Amino acid sequence: MLTLRLDPQMEQNITNTAKKLGLTKSELIRRSIQEYLKKISRQTPWDLGSDLFGKYSSGRSDLSVRRKEIIKGKIKGKRANEKDIH
């Protein structure tokens, strides 16, 4: 058995929702908890980070191998542009 305290507004929302669905408050809460537990147990690492993967993609497939060379090239390019400006 579990006892839980709710603020009056949440309890009223549960009461109203249970009446609309034709359920007892206990049944509504049981179903809600079951659904929530199913949802969080199904999340994979991909699900958790899917909105971040590829967000800043450069479109280059060689970054892990040539990262130092690429960075050096960018720095040289930036310095060359700075010399042109001055």
PDB file of N, CA and C in Angstrom:
ATOM      1  N   MET A   1       0.841  -1.178   0.000  1.00  0.00           N
ATOM      2  CA  MET A   1       0.000   0.000   0.000  1.00  0.00           C
ATOM      3  C   MET A   1       0.883   1.238   0.000  1.00  0.00           C
ATOM      4  N   LEU A   2       0.405   2.261  -0.652  1.00  0.00           N
ATOM      5  CA  LEU A   2       1.139   3.508  -0.786  1.00  0.00           C
ATOM      6  C   LEU A   2       0.224   4.656  -0.394  1.00  0.00           C
ATOM      7  N   THR A   3       0.757   5.555   0.392  1.00  0.00           N
ATOM      8  CA  THR A   3       0.013   6.756   0.757  1.00  0.00           C
ATOM      9  C   THR A   3       0.746   7.936   0.145  1.00  0.00           C
ATOM     10  N   LEU A   4      -0.035   8.859  -0.396  1.00  0.00           N
ATOM     11  CA  LEU A   4       0.596   9.997  -1.029  1.00  0.00           C
ATOM     12  C   LEU A   4      -0.228  11.239  -0.792  1.00  0.00           C
ATOM     13  N   ARG A   5       0.469  12.352  -0.651  1.00  0.00           N
ATOM     14  CA  ARG A   5      -0.203  13.627  -0.408  1.00  0.00           C
ATOM     15  C   ARG A   5      -0.143  14.473  -1.667  1.00  0.00           C
ATOM     16  N   LEU A   6      -1.268  15.052  -1.985  1.00  0.00           N
ATOM     17  CA  LEU A   6      -1.371  15.896  -3.172  1.00  0.00           C
ATOM     18  C   LEU A   6      -1.877  17.272  -2.777  1.00  0.00           C
ATOM     19  N   ASP A   7      -1.468  18.267  -3.553  1.00  0.00           N
ATOM     20  CA  ASP A   7      -2.015  19.585  -3.282  1.00  0.00           C
ATOM     21  C   ASP A   7      -3.486  19.578  -3.736  1.00  0.00           C
ATOM     22  N   PRO A   8      -4.307  20.449  -3.193  1.00  0.00           N
ATOM     23  CA  PRO A   8      -5.742  20.448  -3.499  1.00  0.00           C
ATOM     24  C   PRO A   8      -6.059  20.560  -4.994  1.00  0.00           C
ATOM     25  N   GLN A   9      -5.294  21.362  -5.720  1.00  0.00           N
ATOM     26  CA  GLN A   9      -5.545  21.537  -7.158  1.00  0.00           C
ATOM     27  C   GLN A   9      -5.329  20.232  -7.912  1.00  0.00           C
ATOM     28  N   MET A  10      -4.229  19.517  -7.611  1.00  0.00           N
ATOM     29  CA  MET A  10      -3.961  18.259  -8.286  1.00  0.00           C
ATOM     30  C   MET A  10      -5.026  17.217  -7.938  1.00  0.00           C
ATOM     31  N   GLU A  11      -5.420  17.181  -6.676  1.00  0.00           N
ATOM     32  CA  GLU A  11      -6.453  16.225  -6.276  1.00  0.00           C
ATOM     33  C   GLU A  11      -7.769  16.514  -7.009  1.00  0.00           C
ATOM     34  N   GLN A  12      -8.091  17.779  -7.161  1.00  0.00           N
ATOM     35  CA  GLN A  12      -9.315  18.142  -7.888  1.00  0.00           C
ATOM     36  C   GLN A  12      -9.213  17.727  -9.350  1.00  0.00           C
ATOM     37  N   ASN A  13      -8.031  17.936  -9.971  1.00  0.00           N
ATOM     38  CA  ASN A  13      -7.835  17.503 -11.356  1.00  0.00           C
ATOM     39  C   ASN A  13      -7.996  15.996 -11.503  1.00  0.00           C
ATOM     40  N   ILE A  14      -7.460  15.251 -10.544  1.00  0.00           N
ATOM     41  CA  ILE A  14      -7.594  13.794 -10.580  1.00  0.00           C
ATOM     42  C   ILE A  14      -9.050  13.394 -10.414  1.00  0.00           C
ATOM     43  N   THR A  15      -9.748  14.016  -9.505  1.00  0.00           N
ATOM     44  CA  THR A  15     -11.167  13.719  -9.286  1.00  0.00           C
ATOM     45  C   THR A  15     -11.981  13.985 -10.551  1.00  0.00           C
ATOM     46  N   ASN A  16     -11.758  15.148 -11.161  1.00  0.00           N
ATOM     47  CA  ASN A  16     -12.504  15.503 -12.376  1.00  0.00           C
ATOM     48  C   ASN A  16     -12.194  14.548 -13.533  1.00  0.00           C
ATOM     49  N   THR A  17     -10.932  14.233 -13.709  1.00  0.00           N
ATOM     50  CA  THR A  17     -10.532  13.347 -14.801  1.00  0.00           C
ATOM     51  C   THR A  17     -11.083  11.944 -14.589  1.00  0.00           C
ATOM     52  N   ALA A  18     -11.011  11.449 -13.369  1.00  0.00           N
ATOM     53  CA  ALA A  18     -11.537  10.114 -13.071  1.00  0.00           C
ATOM     54  C   ALA A  18     -13.036  10.053 -13.366  1.00  0.00           C
ATOM     55  N   LYS A  19     -13.780  11.090 -12.999  1.00  0.00           N
ATOM     56  CA  LYS A  19     -15.224  11.120 -13.268  1.00  0.00           C
ATOM     57  C   LYS A  19     -15.487  11.109 -14.769  1.00  0.00           C
ATOM     58  N   LYS A  20     -14.723  11.918 -15.521  1.00  0.00           N
ATOM     59  CA  LYS A  20     -14.912  11.962 -16.973  1.00  0.00           C
ATOM     60  C   LYS A  20     -14.665  10.609 -17.615  1.00  0.00           C
ATOM     61  N   LEU A  21     -13.686   9.866 -17.092  1.00  0.00           N
ATOM     62  CA  LEU A  21     -13.325   8.569 -17.671  1.00  0.00           C
ATOM     63  C   LEU A  21     -14.106   7.402 -17.068  1.00  0.00           C
ATOM     64  N   GLY A  22     -14.905   7.689 -16.055  1.00  0.00           N
ATOM     65  CA  GLY A  22     -15.685   6.633 -15.418  1.00  0.00           C
ATOM     66  C   GLY A  22     -14.816   5.674 -14.609  1.00  0.00           C
ATOM     67  N   LEU A  23     -13.767   6.208 -14.005  1.00  0.00           N
ATOM     68  CA  LEU A  23     -12.841   5.402 -13.210  1.00  0.00           C
ATOM     69  C   LEU A  23     -12.819   5.914 -11.776  1.00  0.00           C
ATOM     70  N   THR A  24     -12.344   5.064 -10.888  1.00  0.00           N
ATOM     71  CA  THR A  24     -12.077   5.562  -9.543  1.00  0.00           C
ATOM     72  C   THR A  24     -10.760   6.324  -9.587  1.00  0.00           C
ATOM     73  N   LYS A  25     -10.555   7.156  -8.584  1.00  0.00           N
ATOM     74  CA  LYS A  25      -9.285   7.887  -8.535  1.00  0.00           C
ATOM     75  C   LYS A  25      -8.119   6.905  -8.426  1.00  0.00           C
ATOM     76  N   SER A  26      -8.281   5.867  -7.648  1.00  0.00           N
ATOM     77  CA  SER A  26      -7.210   4.878  -7.495  1.00  0.00           C
ATOM     78  C   SER A  26      -6.872   4.214  -8.822  1.00  0.00           C
ATOM     79  N   GLU A  27      -7.909   3.853  -9.586  1.00  0.00           N
ATOM     80  CA  GLU A  27      -7.665   3.199 -10.881  1.00  0.00           C
ATOM     81  C   GLU A  27      -6.984   4.149 -11.855  1.00  0.00           C
ATOM     82  N   LEU A  28      -7.402   5.401 -11.878  1.00  0.00           N
ATOM     83  CA  LEU A  28      -6.766   6.393 -12.745  1.00  0.00           C
ATOM     84  C   LEU A  28      -5.292   6.543 -12.392  1.00  0.00           C
ATOM     85  N   ILE A  29      -4.990   6.640 -11.114  1.00  0.00           N
ATOM     86  CA  ILE A  29      -3.602   6.802 -10.675  1.00  0.00           C
ATOM     87  C   ILE A  29      -2.787   5.548 -10.992  1.00  0.00           C
ATOM     88  N   ARG A  30      -3.347   4.350 -10.764  1.00  0.00           N
ATOM     89  CA  ARG A  30      -2.647   3.099 -11.103  1.00  0.00           C
ATOM     90  C   ARG A  30      -2.303   3.054 -12.585  1.00  0.00           C
ATOM     91  N   ARG A  31      -3.291   3.348 -13.426  1.00  0.00           N
ATOM     92  CA  ARG A  31      -3.061   3.328 -14.876  1.00  0.00           C
ATOM     93  C   ARG A  31      -2.021   4.363 -15.291  1.00  0.00           C
ATOM     94  N   SER A  32      -2.101   5.525 -14.701  1.00  0.00           N
ATOM     95  CA  SER A  32      -1.155   6.591 -15.031  1.00  0.00           C
ATOM     96  C   SER A  32       0.272   6.184 -14.672  1.00  0.00           C
ATOM     97  N   ILE A  33       0.441   5.604 -13.509  1.00  0.00           N
ATOM     98  CA  ILE A  33       1.773   5.166 -13.085  1.00  0.00           C
ATOM     99  C   ILE A  33       2.280   4.048 -13.989  1.00  0.00           C
ATOM    100  N   GLN A  34       1.418   3.090 -14.314  1.00  0.00           N
ATOM    101  CA  GLN A  34       1.826   2.003 -15.207  1.00  0.00           C
ATOM    102  C   GLN A  34       2.282   2.541 -16.561  1.00  0.00           C
ATOM    103  N   GLU A  35       1.528   3.462 -17.116  1.00  0.00           N
ATOM    104  CA  GLU A  35       1.865   4.038 -18.420  1.00  0.00           C
ATOM    105  C   GLU A  35       3.173   4.817 -18.342  1.00  0.00           C
ATOM    106  N   TYR A  36       3.357   5.555 -17.292  1.00  0.00           N
ATOM    107  CA  TYR A  36       4.589   6.315 -17.115  1.00  0.00           C
ATOM    108  C   TYR A  36       5.792   5.379 -17.002  1.00  0.00           C
ATOM    109  N   LEU A  37       5.662   4.326 -16.221  1.00  0.00           N
ATOM    110  CA  LEU A  37       6.767   3.383 -16.053  1.00  0.00           C
ATOM    111  C   LEU A  37       7.106   2.672 -17.367  1.00  0.00           C
ATOM    112  N   LYS A  38       6.102   2.355 -18.157  1.00  0.00           N
ATOM    113  CA  LYS A  38       6.358   1.758 -19.473  1.00  0.00           C
ATOM    114  C   LYS A  38       7.132   2.738 -20.347  1.00  0.00           C
ATOM    115  N   LYS A  39       6.711   3.976 -20.329  1.00  0.00           N
ATOM    116  CA  LYS A  39       7.333   4.994 -21.177  1.00  0.00           C
ATOM    117  C   LYS A  39       8.803   5.197 -20.825  1.00  0.00           C
ATOM    118  N   ILE A  40       9.127   5.340 -19.560  1.00  0.00           N
ATOM    119  CA  ILE A  40      10.513   5.609 -19.198  1.00  0.00           C
ATOM    120  C   ILE A  40      11.393   4.377 -19.334  1.00  0.00           C
ATOM    121  N   SER A  41      10.825   3.188 -19.246  1.00  0.00           N
ATOM    122  CA  SER A  41      11.650   1.987 -19.376  1.00  0.00           C
ATOM    123  C   SER A  41      11.970   1.684 -20.831  1.00  0.00           C
ATOM    124  N   ARG A  42      11.234   2.250 -21.772  1.00  0.00           N
ATOM    125  CA  ARG A  42      11.457   2.007 -23.194  1.00  0.00           C
ATOM    126  C   ARG A  42      12.474   2.942 -23.812  1.00  0.00           C
ATOM    127  N   GLN A  43      12.853   3.986 -23.142  1.00  0.00           N
ATOM    128  CA  GLN A  43      13.744   4.959 -23.749  1.00  0.00           C
ATOM    129  C   GLN A  43      15.154   4.393 -23.890  1.00  0.00           C
ATOM    130  N   THR A  44      15.666   4.477 -25.093  1.00  0.00           N
ATOM    131  CA  THR A  44      17.028   4.051 -25.380  1.00  0.00           C
ATOM    132  C   THR A  44      17.926   5.283 -25.366  1.00  0.00           C
ATOM    133  N   PRO A  45      19.222   5.069 -25.363  1.00  0.00           N
ATOM    134  CA  PRO A  45      20.107   6.235 -25.466  1.00  0.00           C
ATOM    135  C   PRO A  45      19.799   7.080 -26.704  1.00  0.00           C
ATOM    136  N   TRP A  46      19.440   6.425 -27.799  1.00  0.00           N
ATOM    137  CA  TRP A  46      19.100   7.170 -29.012  1.00  0.00           C
ATOM    138  C   TRP A  46      17.881   8.054 -28.768  1.00  0.00           C
ATOM    139  N   ASP A  47      16.849   7.503 -28.112  1.00  0.00           N
ATOM    140  CA  ASP A  47      15.648   8.282 -27.814  1.00  0.00           C
ATOM    141  C   ASP A  47      15.992   9.517 -26.982  1.00  0.00           C
ATOM    142  N   LEU A  48      16.853   9.335 -25.997  1.00  0.00           N
ATOM    143  CA  LEU A  48      17.178  10.433 -25.098  1.00  0.00           C
ATOM    144  C   LEU A  48      17.961  11.554 -25.776  1.00  0.00           C
ATOM    145  N   GLY A  49      18.789  11.223 -26.766  1.00  0.00           N
ATOM    146  CA  GLY A  49      19.602  12.252 -27.399  1.00  0.00           C
ATOM    147  C   GLY A  49      19.259  12.533 -28.839  1.00  0.00           C
ATOM    148  N   SER A  50      18.172  11.953 -29.335  1.00  0.00           N
ATOM    149  CA  SER A  50      17.853  12.072 -30.761  1.00  0.00           C
ATOM    150  C   SER A  50      17.701  13.509 -31.236  1.00  0.00           C
ATOM    151  N   ASP A  51      17.254  14.400 -30.353  1.00  0.00           N
ATOM    152  CA  ASP A  51      17.102  15.796 -30.776  1.00  0.00           C
ATOM    153  C   ASP A  51      18.446  16.518 -30.874  1.00  0.00           C
ATOM    154  N   LEU A  52      19.512  15.894 -30.370  1.00  0.00           N
ATOM    155  CA  LEU A  52      20.835  16.513 -30.417  1.00  0.00           C
ATOM    156  C   LEU A  52      21.724  15.946 -31.517  1.00  0.00           C
ATOM    157  N   PHE A  53      21.507  14.683 -31.896  1.00  0.00           N
ATOM    158  CA  PHE A  53      22.379  14.037 -32.864  1.00  0.00           C
ATOM    159  C   PHE A  53      22.277  14.708 -34.224  1.00  0.00           C
ATOM    160  N   GLY A  54      23.419  15.085 -34.759  1.00  0.00           N
ATOM    161  CA  GLY A  54      23.461  15.710 -36.071  1.00  0.00           C
ATOM    162  C   GLY A  54      23.052  17.165 -36.083  1.00  0.00           C
ATOM    163  N   LYS A  55      22.754  17.706 -34.927  1.00  0.00           N
ATOM    164  CA  LYS A  55      22.281  19.089 -34.848  1.00  0.00           C
ATOM    165  C   LYS A  55      23.317  20.072 -35.387  1.00  0.00           C
ATOM    166  N   TYR A  56      24.576  19.773 -35.136  1.00  0.00           N
ATOM    167  CA  TYR A  56      25.646  20.659 -35.575  1.00  0.00           C
ATOM    168  C   TYR A  56      26.516  19.961 -36.612  1.00  0.00           C
ATOM    169  N   SER A  57      25.900  19.150 -37.405  1.00  0.00           N
ATOM    170  CA  SER A  57      26.626  18.344 -38.375  1.00  0.00           C
ATOM    171  C   SER A  57      27.319  19.209 -39.424  1.00  0.00           C
ATOM    172  N   SER A  58      28.557  18.834 -39.723  1.00  0.00           N
ATOM    173  CA  SER A  58      29.323  19.566 -40.731  1.00  0.00           C
ATOM    174  C   SER A  58      29.152  18.937 -42.104  1.00  0.00           C
ATOM    175  N   GLY A  59      28.648  17.701 -42.111  1.00  0.00           N
ATOM    176  CA  GLY A  59      28.519  16.998 -43.376  1.00  0.00           C
ATOM    177  C   GLY A  59      29.799  16.283 -43.780  1.00  0.00           C
ATOM    178  N   ARG A  60      30.830  16.387 -42.956  1.00  0.00           N
ATOM    179  CA  ARG A  60      32.109  15.747 -43.252  1.00  0.00           C
ATOM    180  C   ARG A  60      32.191  14.418 -42.519  1.00  0.00           C
ATOM    181  N   SER A  61      32.666  13.402 -43.218  1.00  0.00           N
ATOM    182  CA  SER A  61      32.778  12.079 -42.608  1.00  0.00           C
ATOM    183  C   SER A  61      34.189  11.783 -42.114  1.00  0.00           C
ATOM    184  N   ASP A  62      35.130  12.721 -42.304  1.00  0.00           N
ATOM    185  CA  ASP A  62      36.520  12.468 -41.944  1.00  0.00           C
ATOM    186  C   ASP A  62      36.987  13.265 -40.715  1.00  0.00           C
ATOM    187  N   LEU A  63      36.088  13.839 -39.972  1.00  0.00           N
ATOM    188  CA  LEU A  63      36.480  14.706 -38.870  1.00  0.00           C
ATOM    189  C   LEU A  63      37.244  13.970 -37.773  1.00  0.00           C
ATOM    190  N   SER A  64      36.883  12.743 -37.482  1.00  0.00           N
ATOM    191  CA  SER A  64      37.565  12.039 -36.401  1.00  0.00           C
ATOM    192  C   SER A  64      38.991  11.671 -36.789  1.00  0.00           C
ATOM    193  N   VAL A  65      39.260  11.511 -38.062  1.00  0.00           N
ATOM    194  CA  VAL A  65      40.580  11.110 -38.537  1.00  0.00           C
ATOM    195  C   VAL A  65      41.465  12.325 -38.831  1.00  0.00           C
ATOM    196  N   ARG A  66      40.879  13.372 -39.390  1.00  0.00           N
ATOM    197  CA  ARG A  66      41.665  14.519 -39.861  1.00  0.00           C
ATOM    198  C   ARG A  66      41.421  15.790 -39.041  1.00  0.00           C
ATOM    199  N   ARG A  67      40.968  15.663 -37.825  1.00  0.00           N
ATOM    200  CA  ARG A  67      40.574  16.829 -37.040  1.00  0.00           C
ATOM    201  C   ARG A  67      41.704  17.835 -36.855  1.00  0.00           C
ATOM    202  N   LYS A  68      42.928  17.349 -36.553  1.00  0.00           N
ATOM    203  CA  LYS A  68      44.041  18.283 -36.332  1.00  0.00           C
ATOM    204  C   LYS A  68      44.382  19.036 -37.613  1.00  0.00           C
ATOM    205  N   GLU A  69      44.440  18.328 -38.707  1.00  0.00           N
ATOM    206  CA  GLU A  69      44.748  18.943 -40.002  1.00  0.00           C
ATOM    207  C   GLU A  69      43.694  19.992 -40.374  1.00  0.00           C
ATOM    208  N   ILE A  70      42.452  19.660 -40.139  1.00  0.00           N
ATOM    209  CA  ILE A  70      41.352  20.569 -40.476  1.00  0.00           C
ATOM    210  C   ILE A  70      41.419  21.831 -39.615  1.00  0.00           C
ATOM    211  N   ILE A  71      41.680  21.657 -38.320  1.00  0.00           N
ATOM    212  CA  ILE A  71      41.760  22.811 -37.417  1.00  0.00           C
ATOM    213  C   ILE A  71      42.930  23.713 -37.810  1.00  0.00           C
ATOM    214  N   LYS A  72      44.081  23.110 -38.100  1.00  0.00           N
ATOM    215  CA  LYS A  72      45.242  23.904 -38.523  1.00  0.00           C
ATOM    216  C   LYS A  72      44.914  24.705 -39.780  1.00  0.00           C
ATOM    217  N   GLY A  73      44.234  24.092 -40.722  1.00  0.00           N
ATOM    218  CA  GLY A  73      43.848  24.783 -41.950  1.00  0.00           C
ATOM    219  C   GLY A  73      42.929  25.959 -41.679  1.00  0.00           C
ATOM    220  N   LYS A  74      41.991  25.780 -40.755  1.00  0.00           N
ATOM    221  CA  LYS A  74      41.071  26.869 -40.413  1.00  0.00           C
ATOM    222  C   LYS A  74      41.817  28.026 -39.753  1.00  0.00           C
ATOM    223  N   ILE A  75      42.763  27.692 -38.879  1.00  0.00           N
ATOM    224  CA  ILE A  75      43.544  28.741 -38.201  1.00  0.00           C
ATOM    225  C   ILE A  75      44.388  29.501 -39.218  1.00  0.00           C
ATOM    226  N   LYS A  76      45.044  28.781 -40.121  1.00  0.00           N
ATOM    227  CA  LYS A  76      45.854  29.430 -41.160  1.00  0.00           C
ATOM    228  C   LYS A  76      44.979  30.335 -42.026  1.00  0.00           C
ATOM    229  N   GLY A  77      43.806  29.865 -42.385  1.00  0.00           N
ATOM    230  CA  GLY A  77      42.886  30.666 -43.187  1.00  0.00           C
ATOM    231  C   GLY A  77      42.453  31.928 -42.465  1.00  0.00           C
ATOM    232  N   LYS A  78      42.195  31.792 -41.177  1.00  0.00           N
ATOM    233  CA  LYS A  78      41.771  32.941 -40.383  1.00  0.00           C
ATOM    234  C   LYS A  78      42.897  33.959 -40.295  1.00  0.00           C
ATOM    235  N   ARG A  79      44.112  33.487 -40.076  1.00  0.00           N
ATOM    236  CA  ARG A  79      45.263  34.396 -39.983  1.00  0.00           C
ATOM    237  C   ARG A  79      45.506  35.098 -41.313  1.00  0.00           C
ATOM    238  N   ALA A  80      45.344  34.366 -42.417  1.00  0.00           N
ATOM    239  CA  ALA A  80      45.525  34.973 -43.731  1.00  0.00           C
ATOM    240  C   ALA A  80      44.491  36.072 -43.956  1.00  0.00           C
ATOM    241  N   ASN A  81      43.264  35.853 -43.528  1.00  0.00           N
ATOM    242  CA  ASN A  81      42.207  36.873 -43.664  1.00  0.00           C
ATOM    243  C   ASN A  81      42.506  38.084 -42.803  1.00  0.00           C
ATOM    244  N   GLU A  82      43.055  37.856 -41.605  1.00  0.00           N
ATOM    245  CA  GLU A  82      43.396  38.977 -40.727  1.00  0.00           C
ATOM    246  C   GLU A  82      44.494  39.832 -41.338  1.00  0.00           C
ATOM    247  N   LYS A  83      45.471  39.201 -42.000  1.00  0.00           N
ATOM    248  CA  LYS A  83      46.557  39.954 -42.645  1.00  0.00           C
ATOM    249  C   LYS A  83      46.027  40.779 -43.796  1.00  0.00           C
ATOM    250  N   ASP A  84      45.054  40.228 -44.530  1.00  0.00           N
ATOM    251  CA  ASP A  84      44.461  40.964 -45.655  1.00  0.00           C
ATOM    252  C   ASP A  84      43.713  42.198 -45.181  1.00  0.00           C
ATOM    253  N   ILE A  85      43.119  42.131 -44.030  1.00  0.00           N
ATOM    254  CA  ILE A  85      42.322  43.239 -43.499  1.00  0.00           C
ATOM    255  C   ILE A  85      43.235  44.374 -43.042  1.00  0.00           C
ATOM    256  N   HIS A  86      44.387  44.048 -42.458  1.00  0.00           N
ATOM    257  CA  HIS A  86      45.289  45.078 -41.902  1.00  0.00           C
ATOM    258  C   HIS A  86      46.170  45.569 -42.965  1.00  0.00           C
TER     259      HIS A  86
END
